[in-house]
C-alpha cells in the first residue's frame, strides 16, 4: 500500500508520461493509484485527462464527474471544468456542457477559455448569436493584434448587434 507521499510521486510520473504521449504507461499507474486511493479527486481528474488525450471521451466523463464529486480544488478544478465541459460537448451532451461552463464562468469570470468552449457548445445548439457575441468579446478583450486593438470598441459594440442594420 502506498502512502500519500508515494502517491504524489506516482501521480507526477503518470502526468509526465501523459505529457510525453506514453499513454499506456500512464494509464497503468493511474489505475493502480485509483485502486489504492479511491477517494483522491486529483487521480480521477488526471485519469480523465488521459482518456481525453486518447480520444476516449465517454470514459473520461465519469472520471471527471467523480473528481468533482470528491471535491477537486485549485488549478485542477479549473482544468476539470474545462475538460468535462469540453467532453460533454464532444459526446453530444451540449446542454450539460453549457451549464457546466456557465458555472465555471461564474466561479472564474476572468478565465476566457470557458467562454470560448461555451461558444462551441452554443454553436452545437444553434445559438449562433450568443456564440458569436462571446467569441467577439473574448477576441476584443484579449487579442494583441494591432488591428483588433485599434477596432476593439467597435468589435465590442457590434458583438450583440450582428443582425441589426443601420440606416
C-alpha atoms as a PDB file:
ATOM      1  CA  UNK A   1       0.000   0.000   0.000  1.00  0.00           C
ATOM      2  CA  UNK A   2       1.321   3.421  -0.962  1.00  0.00           C
ATOM      3  CA  UNK A   3       1.421   6.380   1.396  1.00  0.00           C
ATOM      4  CA  UNK A   4       0.388   9.922   0.436  1.00  0.00           C
ATOM      5  CA  UNK A   5       3.959  10.972  -0.443  1.00  0.00           C
ATOM      6  CA  UNK A   6       4.445   7.970  -2.727  1.00  0.00           C
ATOM      7  CA  UNK A   7       1.042   8.677  -4.261  1.00  0.00           C
ATOM      8  CA  UNK A   8       2.154  12.193  -5.220  1.00  0.00           C
ATOM      9  CA  UNK A   9       5.358  10.832  -6.778  1.00  0.00           C
ATOM     10  CA  UNK A  10       3.499   8.193  -8.773  1.00  0.00           C
ATOM     11  CA  UNK A  11       0.890  10.728  -9.889  1.00  0.00           C
ATOM     12  CA  UNK A  12       3.643  13.081 -11.049  1.00  0.00           C
ATOM     13  CA  UNK A  13       5.162  10.182 -13.005  1.00  0.00           C
ATOM     14  CA  UNK A  14       1.784   9.383 -14.629  1.00  0.00           C
ATOM     15  CA  UNK A  15       1.336  13.053 -15.568  1.00  0.00           C
ATOM     16  CA  UNK A  16       4.833  13.196 -17.078  1.00  0.00           C
ATOM     17  CA  UNK A  17       4.134  10.043 -19.082  1.00  0.00           C
ATOM     18  CA  UNK A  18       0.868  11.540 -20.342  1.00  0.00           C
ATOM     19  CA  UNK A  19       2.724  14.699 -21.361  1.00  0.00           C
ATOM     20  CA  UNK A  20       5.225  12.529 -23.248  1.00  0.00           C
ATOM     21  CA  UNK A  21       2.315  10.753 -25.001  1.00  0.00           C
ATOM     22  CA  UNK A  22       3.165   7.465 -23.270  1.00  0.00           C
ATOM     23  CA  UNK A  23      -0.483   6.875 -22.613  1.00  0.00           C
ATOM     24  CA  UNK A  24      -0.458   3.139 -21.878  1.00  0.00           C
ATOM     25  CA  UNK A  25       2.264   3.517 -19.263  1.00  0.00           C
ATOM     26  CA  UNK A  26       0.462   6.445 -17.664  1.00  0.00           C
ATOM     27  CA  UNK A  27      -2.795   4.512 -17.577  1.00  0.00           C
ATOM     28  CA  UNK A  28      -1.218   1.576 -15.744  1.00  0.00           C
ATOM     29  CA  UNK A  29      -0.053   3.898 -12.980  1.00  0.00           C
ATOM     30  CA  UNK A  30      -3.370   5.768 -12.766  1.00  0.00           C
ATOM     31  CA  UNK A  31      -5.365   2.524 -12.493  1.00  0.00           C
ATOM     32  CA  UNK A  32      -3.094   1.412  -9.676  1.00  0.00           C
ATOM     33  CA  UNK A  33      -3.458   4.751  -7.915  1.00  0.00           C
ATOM     34  CA  UNK A  34      -7.259   4.668  -8.118  1.00  0.00           C
ATOM     35  CA  UNK A  35      -7.224   1.177  -6.595  1.00  0.00           C
ATOM     36  CA  UNK A  36      -5.011   2.355  -3.714  1.00  0.00           C
ATOM     37  CA  UNK A  37      -6.599   5.832  -3.288  1.00  0.00           C
ATOM     38  CA  UNK A  38     -10.254   5.552  -4.368  1.00  0.00           C
ATOM     39  CA  UNK A  39     -11.218   8.879  -2.754  1.00  0.00           C
ATOM     40  CA  UNK A  40      -8.452  11.057  -4.200  1.00  0.00           C
ATOM     41  CA  UNK A  41     -10.092  13.551  -6.573  1.00  0.00           C
ATOM     42  CA  UNK A  42      -6.964  14.568  -8.458  1.00  0.00           C
ATOM     43  CA  UNK A  43      -6.230  10.996  -9.545  1.00  0.00           C
ATOM     44  CA  UNK A  44      -9.640  10.780 -11.219  1.00  0.00           C
ATOM     45  CA  UNK A  45      -9.067  14.173 -12.822  1.00  0.00           C
ATOM     46  CA  UNK A  46      -5.725  13.197 -14.311  1.00  0.00           C
ATOM     47  CA  UNK A  47      -7.094   9.842 -15.463  1.00  0.00           C
ATOM     48  CA  UNK A  48      -9.973  11.651 -17.173  1.00  0.00           C
ATOM     49  CA  UNK A  49      -7.486  13.994 -18.840  1.00  0.00           C
ATOM     50  CA  UNK A  50      -5.541  10.968 -20.076  1.00  0.00           C
ATOM     51  CA  UNK A  51      -8.737   9.446 -21.505  1.00  0.00           C
ATOM     52  CA  UNK A  52      -9.415  12.726 -23.327  1.00  0.00           C
ATOM     53  CA  UNK A  53      -5.899  12.674 -24.772  1.00  0.00           C
ATOM     54  CA  UNK A  54      -6.592   9.167 -26.068  1.00  0.00           C
ATOM     55  CA  UNK A  55      -9.937  10.286 -27.598  1.00  0.00           C
ATOM     56  CA  UNK A  56     -11.884   8.171 -25.116  1.00  0.00           C
ATOM     57  CA  UNK A  57     -14.273  10.900 -24.025  1.00  0.00           C
ATOM     58  CA  UNK A  58     -17.034   8.551 -22.885  1.00  0.00           C
ATOM     59  CA  UNK A  59     -14.546   7.012 -20.444  1.00  0.00           C
ATOM     60  CA  UNK A  60     -13.310  10.436 -19.364  1.00  0.00           C
ATOM     61  CA  UNK A  61     -16.757  11.728 -18.409  1.00  0.00           C
ATOM     62  CA  UNK A  62     -17.388   9.637 -15.252  1.00  0.00           C
ATOM     63  CA  UNK A  63     -13.825  10.218 -14.076  1.00  0.00           C
ATOM     64  CA  UNK A  64     -14.202  13.993 -14.371  1.00  0.00           C
ATOM     65  CA  UNK A  65     -17.565  13.776 -12.609  1.00  0.00           C
ATOM     66  CA  UNK A  66     -16.060  11.676  -9.800  1.00  0.00           C
ATOM     67  CA  UNK A  67     -13.235  14.190  -9.368  1.00  0.00           C
ATOM     68  CA  UNK A  68     -15.788  16.977  -8.914  1.00  0.00           C
ATOM     69  CA  UNK A  69     -17.885  14.842  -6.569  1.00  0.00           C
ATOM     70  CA  UNK A  70     -14.816  14.195  -4.408  1.00  0.00           C
ATOM     71  CA  UNK A  71     -14.139  17.918  -4.043  1.00  0.00           C
ATOM     72  CA  UNK A  72     -11.414  18.735  -6.536  1.00  0.00           C
ATOM     73  CA  UNK A  73      -9.945  22.197  -5.886  1.00  0.00           C
ATOM     74  CA  UNK A  74      -7.444  24.765  -7.120  1.00  0.00           C
ATOM     75  CA  UNK A  75      -5.824  24.608 -10.536  1.00  0.00           C
ATOM     76  CA  UNK A  76      -7.066  21.055 -11.003  1.00  0.00           C
ATOM     77  CA  UNK A  77     -10.672  22.245 -10.554  1.00  0.00           C
ATOM     78  CA  UNK A  78     -10.126  24.941 -13.182  1.00  0.00           C
ATOM     79  CA  UNK A  79      -8.841  22.302 -15.610  1.00  0.00           C
ATOM     80  CA  UNK A  80     -11.568  19.823 -14.703  1.00  0.00           C
ATOM     81  CA  UNK A  81     -14.322  22.303 -15.503  1.00  0.00           C
ATOM     82  CA  UNK A  82     -12.817  22.837 -18.937  1.00  0.00           C
ATOM     83  CA  UNK A  83     -12.110  19.143 -19.540  1.00  0.00           C
ATOM     84  CA  UNK A  84     -15.587  17.995 -18.519  1.00  0.00           C
ATOM     85  CA  UNK A  85     -17.309  20.873 -20.299  1.00  0.00           C
ATOM     86  CA  UNK A  86     -15.442  20.013 -23.473  1.00  0.00           C
ATOM     87  CA  UNK A  87     -16.072  16.295 -23.023  1.00  0.00           C
ATOM     88  CA  UNK A  88     -19.816  16.849 -22.620  1.00  0.00           C
ATOM     89  CA  UNK A  89     -19.775  18.797 -25.891  1.00  0.00           C
ATOM     90  CA  UNK A  90     -17.727  16.150 -27.693  1.00  0.00           C
ATOM     91  CA  UNK A  91     -20.166  13.379 -26.718  1.00  0.00           C
ATOM     92  CA  UNK A  92     -23.213  15.436 -27.697  1.00  0.00           C
ATOM     93  CA  UNK A  93     -24.363  16.495 -24.215  1.00  0.00           C
ATOM     94  CA  UNK A  94     -24.491  20.134 -25.220  1.00  0.00           C
ATOM     95  CA  UNK A  95     -26.834  21.408 -22.504  1.00  0.00           C
ATOM     96  CA  UNK A  96     -24.679  19.823 -19.788  1.00  0.00           C
ATOM     97  CA  UNK A  97     -21.637  21.422 -21.392  1.00  0.00           C
ATOM     98  CA  UNK A  98     -23.254  24.860 -21.413  1.00  0.00           C
ATOM     99  CA  UNK A  99     -24.472  24.513 -17.805  1.00  0.00           C
ATOM    100  CA  UNK A 100     -21.071  23.418 -16.508  1.00  0.00           C
ATOM    101  CA  UNK A 101     -19.239  26.111 -18.435  1.00  0.00           C
ATOM    102  CA  UNK A 102     -21.709  28.711 -17.105  1.00  0.00           C
ATOM    103  CA  UNK A 103     -20.840  27.516 -13.584  1.00  0.00           C
ATOM    104  CA  UNK A 104     -17.134  27.796 -14.401  1.00  0.00           C
ATOM    105  CA  UNK A 105     -17.593  31.301 -15.844  1.00  0.00           C
ATOM    106  CA  UNK A 106     -19.447  32.356 -12.700  1.00  0.00           C
ATOM    107  CA  UNK A 107     -16.674  30.996 -10.445  1.00  0.00           C
ATOM    108  CA  UNK A 108     -13.779  32.147 -12.650  1.00  0.00           C
ATOM    109  CA  UNK A 109     -15.050  35.092 -14.721  1.00  0.00           C
ATOM    110  CA  UNK A 110     -11.605  36.096 -15.984  1.00  0.00           C
ATOM    111  CA  UNK A 111     -10.865  32.637 -17.440  1.00  0.00           C
ATOM    112  CA  UNK A 112     -11.767  33.294 -21.066  1.00  0.00           C
ATOM    113  CA  UNK A 113     -11.157  29.699 -22.142  1.00  0.00           C
ATOM    114  CA  UNK A 114     -14.533  28.789 -20.616  1.00  0.00           C
ATOM    115  CA  UNK A 115     -16.266  31.386 -22.785  1.00  0.00           C
ATOM    116  CA  UNK A 116     -14.601  30.034 -25.920  1.00  0.00           C
ATOM    117  CA  UNK A 117     -15.592  26.449 -25.146  1.00  0.00           C
ATOM    118  CA  UNK A 118     -19.115  27.577 -24.223  1.00  0.00           C
ATOM    119  CA  UNK A 119     -19.319  29.312 -27.615  1.00  0.00           C
ATOM    120  CA  UNK A 120     -18.548  25.971 -29.294  1.00  0.00           C
ATOM    121  CA  UNK A 121     -21.365  24.283 -27.346  1.00  0.00           C
ATOM    122  CA  UNK A 122     -23.722  27.147 -28.165  1.00  0.00           C
ATOM    123  CA  UNK A 123     -22.892  26.653 -31.840  1.00  0.00           C
ATOM    124  CA  UNK A 124     -23.901  22.991 -31.473  1.00  0.00           C
ATOM    125  CA  UNK A 125     -27.355  24.017 -30.221  1.00  0.00           C
ATOM    126  CA  UNK A 126     -27.796  26.634 -32.967  1.00  0.00           C
ATOM    127  CA  UNK A 127     -27.327  29.591 -30.607  1.00  0.00           C
ATOM    128  CA  UNK A 128     -25.140  31.330 -33.142  1.00  0.00           C
ATOM    129  CA  UNK A 129     -25.738  34.899 -31.954  1.00  0.00           C
ATOM    130  CA  UNK A 130     -24.741  34.171 -28.364  1.00  0.00           C
ATOM    131  CA  UNK A 131     -21.748  32.135 -29.535  1.00  0.00           C
ATOM    132  CA  UNK A 132     -20.529  34.966 -31.768  1.00  0.00           C
ATOM    133  CA  UNK A 133     -21.117  37.524 -29.027  1.00  0.00           C
ATOM    134  CA  UNK A 134     -18.952  35.535 -26.613  1.00  0.00           C
ATOM    135  CA  UNK A 135     -16.178  34.964 -29.137  1.00  0.00           C
ATOM    136  CA  UNK A 136     -16.078  38.534 -30.383  1.00  0.00           C
ATOM    137  CA  UNK A 137     -15.867  39.878 -26.836  1.00  0.00           C
ATOM    138  CA  UNK A 138     -13.073  37.466 -25.942  1.00  0.00           C
ATOM    139  CA  UNK A 139     -11.187  38.437 -29.093  1.00  0.00           C
ATOM    140  CA  UNK A 140     -11.706  42.143 -28.471  1.00  0.00           C
ATOM    141  CA  UNK A 141     -10.563  41.945 -24.870  1.00  0.00           C
ATOM    142  CA  UNK A 142      -7.598  39.579 -25.259  1.00  0.00           C
ATOM    143  CA  UNK A 143      -6.101  39.993 -28.715  1.00  0.00           C
ATOM    144  CA  UNK A 144      -2.701  41.579 -29.038  1.00  0.00           C
ATOM    145  CA  UNK A 145      -3.245  42.034 -32.758  1.00  0.00           C
ATOM    146  CA  UNK A 146      -2.731  45.698 -33.648  1.00  0.00           C
ATOM    147  CA  UNK A 147      -5.747  45.846 -35.960  1.00  0.00           C
ATOM    148  CA  UNK A 148      -8.048  44.177 -33.453  1.00  0.00           C
ATOM    149  CA  UNK A 149      -6.846  46.505 -30.715  1.00  0.00           C
ATOM    150  CA  UNK A 150      -7.467  49.503 -32.952  1.00  0.00           C
ATOM    151  CA  UNK A 151     -11.081  48.440 -33.501  1.00  0.00           C
ATOM    152  CA  UNK A 152     -11.716  46.927 -30.065  1.00  0.00           C
ATOM    153  CA  UNK A 153     -14.565  49.302 -29.173  1.00  0.00           C
ATOM    154  CA  UNK A 154     -16.329  48.693 -32.495  1.00  0.00           C
ATOM    155  CA  UNK A 155     -15.976  44.907 -32.179  1.00  0.00           C
ATOM    156  CA  UNK A 156     -17.421  45.027 -28.668  1.00  0.00           C
ATOM    157  CA  UNK A 157     -20.234  47.356 -29.772  1.00  0.00           C
ATOM    158  CA  UNK A 158     -21.311  45.208 -32.719  1.00  0.00           C
ATOM    159  CA  UNK A 159     -20.841  41.851 -30.951  1.00  0.00           C
ATOM    160  CA  UNK A 160     -24.523  41.686 -29.972  1.00  0.00           C
ATOM    161  CA  UNK A 161     -25.861  43.625 -32.976  1.00  0.00           C
ATOM    162  CA  UNK A 162     -24.842  41.342 -35.811  1.00  0.00           C
ATOM    163  CA  UNK A 163     -28.362  41.184 -37.265  1.00  0.00           C
ATOM    164  CA  UNK A 164     -29.044  44.895 -36.957  1.00  0.00           C
ATOM    165  CA  UNK A 165     -28.749  47.138 -39.983  1.00  0.00           C
ATOM    166  CA  UNK A 166     -28.054  50.802 -39.502  1.00  0.00           C
ATOM    167  CA  UNK A 167     -29.714  53.277 -41.861  1.00  0.00           C
END
